[in-house]
């Protein structure tokens, strides 16, 4: 990736893209049970559900347009 190499305070080069790729399967810090990629993992760091499946599942859940009333025209004002 272009533009992902930085200089540290000590003058060393740091390739952020390589660092991300090298550590993407490590457990993320925090109270969620995910790795750095966002995959859902168990106590042994085995992947239970990958990030792509989770996004597709949430997209299907939120994109269903059932039981939504459709109105047309101006709303009526009560007196």
Protein backbone atom coordinates (compact mmCIF):
# COMPACT_ATOMS: atom_id res chain seq x y z
CA UNK A 1 0.00 0.00 0.00
CA UNK A 2 1.21 3.47 -0.80
CA UNK A 3 1.66 5.99 2.00
CA UNK A 4 1.74 3.44 4.82
CA UNK A 5 5.43 3.84 5.74
CA UNK A 6 6.19 6.19 8.61
CA UNK A 7 9.33 7.36 10.38
CA UNK A 8 9.47 6.79 14.13
CA UNK A 9 10.90 9.28 16.62
CA UNK A 10 14.13 7.27 16.57
CA UNK A 11 14.38 7.53 12.77
CA UNK A 12 13.39 3.95 11.93
CA UNK A 13 10.91 3.16 9.14
CA UNK A 14 7.63 1.54 10.16
CA UNK A 15 5.43 -0.11 7.53
CA UNK A 16 1.88 0.08 8.93
CA UNK A 17 0.36 -2.14 6.20
CA UNK A 18 2.78 -4.97 6.98
CA UNK A 19 2.16 -4.51 10.70
CA UNK A 20 -1.62 -4.78 10.18
CA UNK A 21 -1.29 -7.94 8.08
CA UNK A 22 1.09 -9.56 10.55
CA UNK A 23 -1.25 -8.97 13.52
CA UNK A 24 -4.73 -9.32 12.00
CA UNK A 25 -5.43 -12.67 13.69
CA UNK A 26 -4.37 -11.50 17.17
CA UNK A 27 -7.01 -10.99 19.85
CA UNK A 28 -8.12 -7.36 20.06
CA UNK A 29 -7.82 -5.48 23.35
CA UNK A 30 -11.16 -4.84 25.03
CA UNK A 31 -14.20 -6.68 26.29
CA UNK A 32 -15.42 -7.92 22.86
CA UNK A 33 -14.35 -11.39 21.80
CA UNK A 34 -12.97 -10.41 18.39
CA UNK A 35 -9.62 -10.38 16.65
CA UNK A 36 -8.07 -7.35 14.98
CA UNK A 37 -9.93 -8.12 11.73
CA UNK A 38 -13.29 -8.08 13.52
CA UNK A 39 -13.96 -11.84 13.39
CA UNK A 40 -15.88 -13.29 16.34
CA UNK A 41 -13.57 -15.70 18.21
CA UNK A 42 -13.75 -18.09 21.17
CA UNK A 43 -11.38 -18.46 24.16
CA UNK A 44 -8.91 -20.47 22.04
CA UNK A 45 -8.81 -17.79 19.30
CA UNK A 46 -10.71 -20.01 16.85
CA UNK A 47 -12.92 -18.06 14.45
CA UNK A 48 -16.63 -18.64 15.12
CA UNK A 49 -17.98 -16.10 12.62
CA UNK A 50 -15.99 -13.96 10.24
CA UNK A 51 -16.59 -10.25 9.77
CA UNK A 52 -18.03 -10.60 6.26
CA UNK A 53 -20.76 -13.00 7.46
CA UNK A 54 -21.63 -10.67 10.34
CA UNK A 55 -21.99 -7.67 8.02
CA UNK A 56 -24.18 -9.64 5.57
CA UNK A 57 -26.38 -10.90 8.43
CA UNK A 58 -26.91 -7.36 9.76
CA UNK A 59 -27.58 -6.05 6.26
CA UNK A 60 -30.28 -8.68 5.68
CA UNK A 61 -31.85 -7.88 9.04
CA UNK A 62 -32.01 -4.13 8.44
CA UNK A 63 -32.87 -4.10 4.73
CA UNK A 64 -36.20 -5.96 4.93
CA UNK A 65 -39.08 -3.60 4.23
CA UNK A 66 -42.00 -5.66 5.46
CA UNK A 67 -45.00 -4.33 7.37
CA UNK A 68 -44.16 -0.68 6.73
CA UNK A 69 -47.26 1.38 5.87
CA UNK A 70 -46.91 3.46 2.75
CA UNK A 71 -48.79 6.75 2.64
CA UNK A 72 -49.32 9.00 -0.31
CA UNK A 73 -50.33 12.61 -0.54
CA UNK A 74 -50.35 15.25 2.13
CA UNK A 75 -50.99 14.27 5.73
CA UNK A 76 -54.41 15.30 7.03
CA UNK A 77 -54.51 17.93 9.73
CA UNK A 78 -57.00 17.47 12.54
CA UNK A 79 -59.10 20.36 13.86
